[in-house]
């Protein structure tokens, strides 16, 4: 894979996270504010509901390009793998979705800068270490948590981050399971 393809993959993954930060959520807002929703016992938004502990199991991820053909990570039982664009996504329901892409140190630096700049509202940084950036912003009164991390497997660098192709809002309680999965990334 060329350096340009790596950069494009990493930026596509970062764009998903940043798009999620800056996007409006009119469909979700309409559902939350529907007349009589509180009286009818409608469910609260996912970001407002604490997540139940997830049982983590080894999950194999097949890679199309690069020196490593298969990776393993500990993901919630029942999680599924999807390959879209230049990245690989591991998802389960509304509380767990990570994106994994082959990357470089320069790509990761760019992603961190993009995430920290935000769009309509500057995100608040909760954790900022060389291995992990956790930040949140306000989305119509609901905190929206995201993270970026990296993992090196046999000298190959991968970006691993919260990612949702469905504009999902993650609660603070959702982040630890996703970061734990990213930290577990290893060669099969």
C-alpha atoms as a PDB file:
ATOM      1  CA  UNK A   1       0.000   0.000   0.000  1.00  0.00           C
ATOM      2  CA  UNK A   2       1.480   3.365  -0.953  1.00  0.00           C
ATOM      3  CA  UNK A   3       2.011   6.188   1.523  1.00  0.00           C
ATOM      4  CA  UNK A   4      -0.741   8.140  -0.224  1.00  0.00           C
ATOM      5  CA  UNK A   5      -3.172   5.245   0.266  1.00  0.00           C
ATOM      6  CA  UNK A   6      -2.192   5.013   3.951  1.00  0.00           C
ATOM      7  CA  UNK A   7      -2.772   8.713   4.403  1.00  0.00           C
ATOM      8  CA  UNK A   8      -6.102   8.529   2.597  1.00  0.00           C
ATOM      9  CA  UNK A   9      -7.189   5.593   4.775  1.00  0.00           C
ATOM     10  CA  UNK A  10      -6.204   7.344   7.975  1.00  0.00           C
ATOM     11  CA  UNK A  11      -7.860  10.589   6.941  1.00  0.00           C
ATOM     12  CA  UNK A  12     -11.032   8.735   5.934  1.00  0.00           C
ATOM     13  CA  UNK A  13     -11.146   7.171   9.384  1.00  0.00           C
ATOM     14  CA  UNK A  14     -10.514  10.545  11.046  1.00  0.00           C
ATOM     15  CA  UNK A  15     -13.183  12.128   8.867  1.00  0.00           C
ATOM     16  CA  UNK A  16     -15.731   9.633  10.188  1.00  0.00           C
ATOM     17  CA  UNK A  17     -14.921  10.675  13.757  1.00  0.00           C
ATOM     18  CA  UNK A  18     -14.860  14.370  12.922  1.00  0.00           C
ATOM     19  CA  UNK A  19     -18.014  14.151  10.819  1.00  0.00           C
ATOM     20  CA  UNK A  20     -19.684  12.573  13.804  1.00  0.00           C
ATOM     21  CA  UNK A  21     -18.562  15.505  15.988  1.00  0.00           C
ATOM     22  CA  UNK A  22     -19.842  18.184  13.647  1.00  0.00           C
ATOM     23  CA  UNK A  23     -22.983  16.584  12.232  1.00  0.00           C
ATOM     24  CA  UNK A  24     -26.451  17.558  13.279  1.00  0.00           C
ATOM     25  CA  UNK A  25     -28.700  14.845  14.532  1.00  0.00           C
ATOM     26  CA  UNK A  26     -32.164  16.047  13.554  1.00  0.00           C
ATOM     27  CA  UNK A  27     -33.613  12.534  13.283  1.00  0.00           C
ATOM     28  CA  UNK A  28     -32.481  11.661  16.790  1.00  0.00           C
ATOM     29  CA  UNK A  29     -33.611  15.052  18.099  1.00  0.00           C
ATOM     30  CA  UNK A  30     -37.066  14.602  16.594  1.00  0.00           C
ATOM     31  CA  UNK A  31     -37.371  11.226  18.305  1.00  0.00           C
ATOM     32  CA  UNK A  32     -36.181  12.571  21.661  1.00  0.00           C
ATOM     33  CA  UNK A  33     -38.519  15.563  21.589  1.00  0.00           C
ATOM     34  CA  UNK A  34     -41.607  13.885  20.183  1.00  0.00           C
ATOM     35  CA  UNK A  35     -44.763  14.983  22.039  1.00  0.00           C
ATOM     36  CA  UNK A  36     -45.729  12.542  24.753  1.00  0.00           C
ATOM     37  CA  UNK A  37     -42.416  10.674  24.603  1.00  0.00           C
ATOM     38  CA  UNK A  38     -41.817  10.998  28.330  1.00  0.00           C
ATOM     39  CA  UNK A  39     -45.399  10.076  29.188  1.00  0.00           C
ATOM     40  CA  UNK A  40     -45.334   6.975  26.964  1.00  0.00           C
ATOM     41  CA  UNK A  41     -42.235   5.579  28.633  1.00  0.00           C
ATOM     42  CA  UNK A  42     -40.075   5.913  25.502  1.00  0.00           C
ATOM     43  CA  UNK A  43     -36.487   4.776  25.878  1.00  0.00           C
ATOM     44  CA  UNK A  44     -33.855   7.340  26.766  1.00  0.00           C
ATOM     45  CA  UNK A  45     -31.114   8.118  24.219  1.00  0.00           C
ATOM     46  CA  UNK A  46     -28.195   5.642  24.183  1.00  0.00           C
ATOM     47  CA  UNK A  47     -25.749   8.314  25.369  1.00  0.00           C
ATOM     48  CA  UNK A  48     -27.861   8.899  28.503  1.00  0.00           C
ATOM     49  CA  UNK A  49     -28.162   5.218  29.433  1.00  0.00           C
ATOM     50  CA  UNK A  50     -25.243   3.509  31.196  1.00  0.00           C
ATOM     51  CA  UNK A  51     -23.834   0.610  29.193  1.00  0.00           C
ATOM     52  CA  UNK A  52     -23.825  -2.898  30.592  1.00  0.00           C
ATOM     53  CA  UNK A  53     -20.421  -4.608  30.889  1.00  0.00           C
ATOM     54  CA  UNK A  54     -19.512  -6.435  27.686  1.00  0.00           C
ATOM     55  CA  UNK A  55     -18.053  -9.948  27.531  1.00  0.00           C
ATOM     56  CA  UNK A  56     -14.870  -9.591  25.455  1.00  0.00           C
ATOM     57  CA  UNK A  57     -13.783 -12.464  23.191  1.00  0.00           C
ATOM     58  CA  UNK A  58     -11.014 -12.821  20.562  1.00  0.00           C
ATOM     59  CA  UNK A  59     -12.129 -11.664  17.098  1.00  0.00           C
ATOM     60  CA  UNK A  60     -10.088 -12.214  13.931  1.00  0.00           C
ATOM     61  CA  UNK A  61      -9.819  -9.408  11.388  1.00  0.00           C
ATOM     62  CA  UNK A  62      -8.614 -10.242   7.880  1.00  0.00           C
ATOM     63  CA  UNK A  63      -6.647  -7.516   6.102  1.00  0.00           C
ATOM     64  CA  UNK A  64      -6.569  -7.202   2.328  1.00  0.00           C
ATOM     65  CA  UNK A  65      -3.256  -5.349   1.995  1.00  0.00           C
ATOM     66  CA  UNK A  66      -0.024  -5.061   3.875  1.00  0.00           C
ATOM     67  CA  UNK A  67       2.511  -7.303   5.528  1.00  0.00           C
ATOM     68  CA  UNK A  68       0.072  -8.551   8.183  1.00  0.00           C
ATOM     69  CA  UNK A  69      -2.817 -10.605   6.801  1.00  0.00           C
ATOM     70  CA  UNK A  70      -4.759 -11.197  10.025  1.00  0.00           C
ATOM     71  CA  UNK A  71      -5.104  -9.383  13.323  1.00  0.00           C
ATOM     72  CA  UNK A  72      -6.887 -10.384  16.506  1.00  0.00           C
ATOM     73  CA  UNK A  73      -8.477  -8.109  19.038  1.00  0.00           C
ATOM     74  CA  UNK A  74     -10.669  -8.645  22.058  1.00  0.00           C
ATOM     75  CA  UNK A  75     -14.138  -7.427  21.082  1.00  0.00           C
ATOM     76  CA  UNK A  76     -17.570  -7.802  22.628  1.00  0.00           C
ATOM     77  CA  UNK A  77     -19.188 -11.170  22.042  1.00  0.00           C
ATOM     78  CA  UNK A  78     -21.338 -10.931  18.905  1.00  0.00           C
ATOM     79  CA  UNK A  79     -19.393  -8.038  17.340  1.00  0.00           C
ATOM     80  CA  UNK A  80     -19.133  -7.996  13.552  1.00  0.00           C
ATOM     81  CA  UNK A  81     -16.378  -6.861  11.201  1.00  0.00           C
ATOM     82  CA  UNK A  82     -17.020  -4.664   8.140  1.00  0.00           C
ATOM     83  CA  UNK A  83     -14.465  -3.410   5.624  1.00  0.00           C
ATOM     84  CA  UNK A  84     -15.460  -0.040   4.130  1.00  0.00           C
ATOM     85  CA  UNK A  85     -13.324   2.525   2.351  1.00  0.00           C
ATOM     86  CA  UNK A  86      -9.778   2.150   3.593  1.00  0.00           C
ATOM     87  CA  UNK A  87     -10.714   1.014   7.074  1.00  0.00           C
ATOM     88  CA  UNK A  88     -12.035  -1.926   9.010  1.00  0.00           C
ATOM     89  CA  UNK A  89     -14.893  -1.419  11.446  1.00  0.00           C
ATOM     90  CA  UNK A  90     -15.803  -3.605  14.416  1.00  0.00           C
ATOM     91  CA  UNK A  91     -19.316  -2.940  15.725  1.00  0.00           C
ATOM     92  CA  UNK A  92     -21.906  -4.204  18.154  1.00  0.00           C
ATOM     93  CA  UNK A  93     -25.156  -2.344  18.683  1.00  0.00           C
ATOM     94  CA  UNK A  94     -25.158   1.321  19.608  1.00  0.00           C
ATOM     95  CA  UNK A  95     -22.448   1.336  22.273  1.00  0.00           C
ATOM     96  CA  UNK A  96     -19.443  -0.209  20.504  1.00  0.00           C
ATOM     97  CA  UNK A  97     -17.958   0.785  17.145  1.00  0.00           C
ATOM     98  CA  UNK A  98     -14.277   1.157  16.350  1.00  0.00           C
ATOM     99  CA  UNK A  99     -12.415   1.799  13.136  1.00  0.00           C
ATOM    100  CA  UNK A 100      -8.991   0.304  12.429  1.00  0.00           C
ATOM    101  CA  UNK A 101      -6.676   1.397   9.613  1.00  0.00           C
ATOM    102  CA  UNK A 102      -3.003   0.991   8.802  1.00  0.00           C
ATOM    103  CA  UNK A 103      -1.349   4.303   9.556  1.00  0.00           C
ATOM    104  CA  UNK A 104       1.859   6.215  10.198  1.00  0.00           C
ATOM    105  CA  UNK A 105       3.070   8.511  12.963  1.00  0.00           C
ATOM    106  CA  UNK A 106       2.412  11.529  10.709  1.00  0.00           C
ATOM    107  CA  UNK A 107      -1.144  10.333   9.991  1.00  0.00           C
ATOM    108  CA  UNK A 108      -1.838   9.923  13.691  1.00  0.00           C
ATOM    109  CA  UNK A 109      -0.484  13.404  14.434  1.00  0.00           C
ATOM    110  CA  UNK A 110      -2.782  14.869  11.753  1.00  0.00           C
ATOM    111  CA  UNK A 111      -5.795  12.959  13.098  1.00  0.00           C
ATOM    112  CA  UNK A 112      -5.123  14.207  16.628  1.00  0.00           C
ATOM    113  CA  UNK A 113      -4.909  17.801  15.391  1.00  0.00           C
ATOM    114  CA  UNK A 114      -8.167  17.442  13.438  1.00  0.00           C
ATOM    115  CA  UNK A 115      -9.974  15.895  16.387  1.00  0.00           C
ATOM    116  CA  UNK A 116      -8.748  18.581  18.786  1.00  0.00           C
ATOM    117  CA  UNK A 117      -9.878  21.400  16.484  1.00  0.00           C
ATOM    118  CA  UNK A 118     -13.516  20.272  16.301  1.00  0.00           C
ATOM    119  CA  UNK A 119     -16.149  21.909  14.113  1.00  0.00           C
ATOM    120  CA  UNK A 120     -19.043  23.828  15.607  1.00  0.00           C
ATOM    121  CA  UNK A 121     -17.959  23.302  19.227  1.00  0.00           C
ATOM    122  CA  UNK A 122     -14.391  22.833  20.386  1.00  0.00           C
ATOM    123  CA  UNK A 123     -14.116  19.431  22.070  1.00  0.00           C
ATOM    124  CA  UNK A 124     -13.015  19.085  25.683  1.00  0.00           C
ATOM    125  CA  UNK A 125      -9.989  16.799  26.016  1.00  0.00           C
ATOM    126  CA  UNK A 126     -10.376  14.229  28.808  1.00  0.00           C
ATOM    127  CA  UNK A 127      -7.194  12.163  28.231  1.00  0.00           C
ATOM    128  CA  UNK A 128      -4.169  13.122  26.145  1.00  0.00           C
ATOM    129  CA  UNK A 129      -1.266  10.673  26.158  1.00  0.00           C
ATOM    130  CA  UNK A 130       0.927   9.497  23.271  1.00  0.00           C
ATOM    131  CA  UNK A 131      -1.176   6.307  23.062  1.00  0.00           C
ATOM    132  CA  UNK A 132      -4.668   7.708  23.626  1.00  0.00           C
ATOM    133  CA  UNK A 133      -6.731  10.850  23.046  1.00  0.00           C
ATOM    134  CA  UNK A 134     -10.216  10.903  24.601  1.00  0.00           C
ATOM    135  CA  UNK A 135     -12.386  13.955  24.038  1.00  0.00           C
ATOM    136  CA  UNK A 136     -16.013  14.992  24.191  1.00  0.00           C
ATOM    137  CA  UNK A 137     -18.243  17.702  22.850  1.00  0.00           C
ATOM    138  CA  UNK A 138     -21.817  18.765  23.427  1.00  0.00           C
ATOM    139  CA  UNK A 139     -24.468  17.604  20.978  1.00  0.00           C
ATOM    140  CA  UNK A 140     -27.783  19.289  21.740  1.00  0.00           C
ATOM    141  CA  UNK A 141     -27.158  19.023  25.481  1.00  0.00           C
ATOM    142  CA  UNK A 142     -25.791  15.471  25.364  1.00  0.00           C
ATOM    143  CA  UNK A 143     -22.061  14.803  25.859  1.00  0.00           C
ATOM    144  CA  UNK A 144     -20.645  12.929  22.860  1.00  0.00           C
ATOM    145  CA  UNK A 145     -17.430  10.990  23.583  1.00  0.00           C
ATOM    146  CA  UNK A 146     -14.822   9.985  20.989  1.00  0.00           C
ATOM    147  CA  UNK A 147     -11.278   8.643  21.092  1.00  0.00           C
ATOM    148  CA  UNK A 148      -8.200   8.101  18.935  1.00  0.00           C
ATOM    149  CA  UNK A 149      -5.483   5.594  19.723  1.00  0.00           C
ATOM    150  CA  UNK A 150      -2.727   3.737  17.960  1.00  0.00           C
ATOM    151  CA  UNK A 151      -1.296   0.266  18.159  1.00  0.00           C
ATOM    152  CA  UNK A 152       1.888  -1.199  16.716  1.00  0.00           C
ATOM    153  CA  UNK A 153       1.835  -4.814  15.613  1.00  0.00           C
ATOM    154  CA  UNK A 154       5.109  -6.252  14.250  1.00  0.00           C
ATOM    155  CA  UNK A 155       6.386  -2.720  13.495  1.00  0.00           C
ATOM    156  CA  UNK A 156       3.198  -1.849  11.577  1.00  0.00           C
ATOM    157  CA  UNK A 157       1.252   1.100  13.014  1.00  0.00           C
ATOM    158  CA  UNK A 158      -2.549   1.038  13.117  1.00  0.00           C
ATOM    159  CA  UNK A 159      -4.981   3.777  14.050  1.00  0.00           C
ATOM    160  CA  UNK A 160      -7.861   2.612  16.197  1.00  0.00           C
ATOM    161  CA  UNK A 161     -10.647   5.021  17.049  1.00  0.00           C
ATOM    162  CA  UNK A 162     -14.304   5.427  17.851  1.00  0.00           C
ATOM    163  CA  UNK A 163     -16.023   5.396  14.515  1.00  0.00           C
ATOM    164  CA  UNK A 164     -19.616   5.254  13.466  1.00  0.00           C
ATOM    165  CA  UNK A 165     -20.997   5.278   9.990  1.00  0.00           C
ATOM    166  CA  UNK A 166     -24.439   5.890  11.538  1.00  0.00           C
ATOM    167  CA  UNK A 167     -23.571   9.114  13.445  1.00  0.00           C
ATOM    168  CA  UNK A 168     -23.775   7.316  16.794  1.00  0.00           C
ATOM    169  CA  UNK A 169     -23.443   9.196  20.092  1.00  0.00           C
ATOM    170  CA  UNK A 170     -21.193   7.425  22.601  1.00  0.00           C
ATOM    171  CA  UNK A 171     -21.488   7.920  26.351  1.00  0.00           C
ATOM    172  CA  UNK A 172     -18.463   8.196  28.621  1.00  0.00           C
ATOM    173  CA  UNK A 173     -19.172   4.643  29.835  1.00  0.00           C
ATOM    174  CA  UNK A 174     -18.882   3.296  26.257  1.00  0.00           C
ATOM    175  CA  UNK A 175     -15.288   4.455  25.753  1.00  0.00           C
ATOM    176  CA  UNK A 176     -13.398   2.033  28.078  1.00  0.00           C
ATOM    177  CA  UNK A 177     -14.563  -1.121  26.237  1.00  0.00           C
ATOM    178  CA  UNK A 178     -13.597   0.398  22.882  1.00  0.00           C
ATOM    179  CA  UNK A 179     -10.156   1.545  24.063  1.00  0.00           C
ATOM    180  CA  UNK A 180      -9.567  -1.834  25.733  1.00  0.00           C
ATOM    181  CA  UNK A 181     -10.313  -3.555  22.409  1.00  0.00           C
ATOM    182  CA  UNK A 182      -7.862  -1.263  20.608  1.00  0.00           C
ATOM    183  CA  UNK A 183      -5.135  -1.966  23.164  1.00  0.00           C
ATOM    184  CA  UNK A 184      -5.616  -5.707  22.602  1.00  0.00           C
ATOM    185  CA  UNK A 185      -4.837  -5.519  18.856  1.00  0.00           C
ATOM    186  CA  UNK A 186      -2.261  -8.215  17.988  1.00  0.00           C
ATOM    187  CA  UNK A 187      -1.068 -10.491  15.208  1.00  0.00           C
ATOM    188  CA  UNK A 188      -2.869 -13.795  14.776  1.00  0.00           C
END
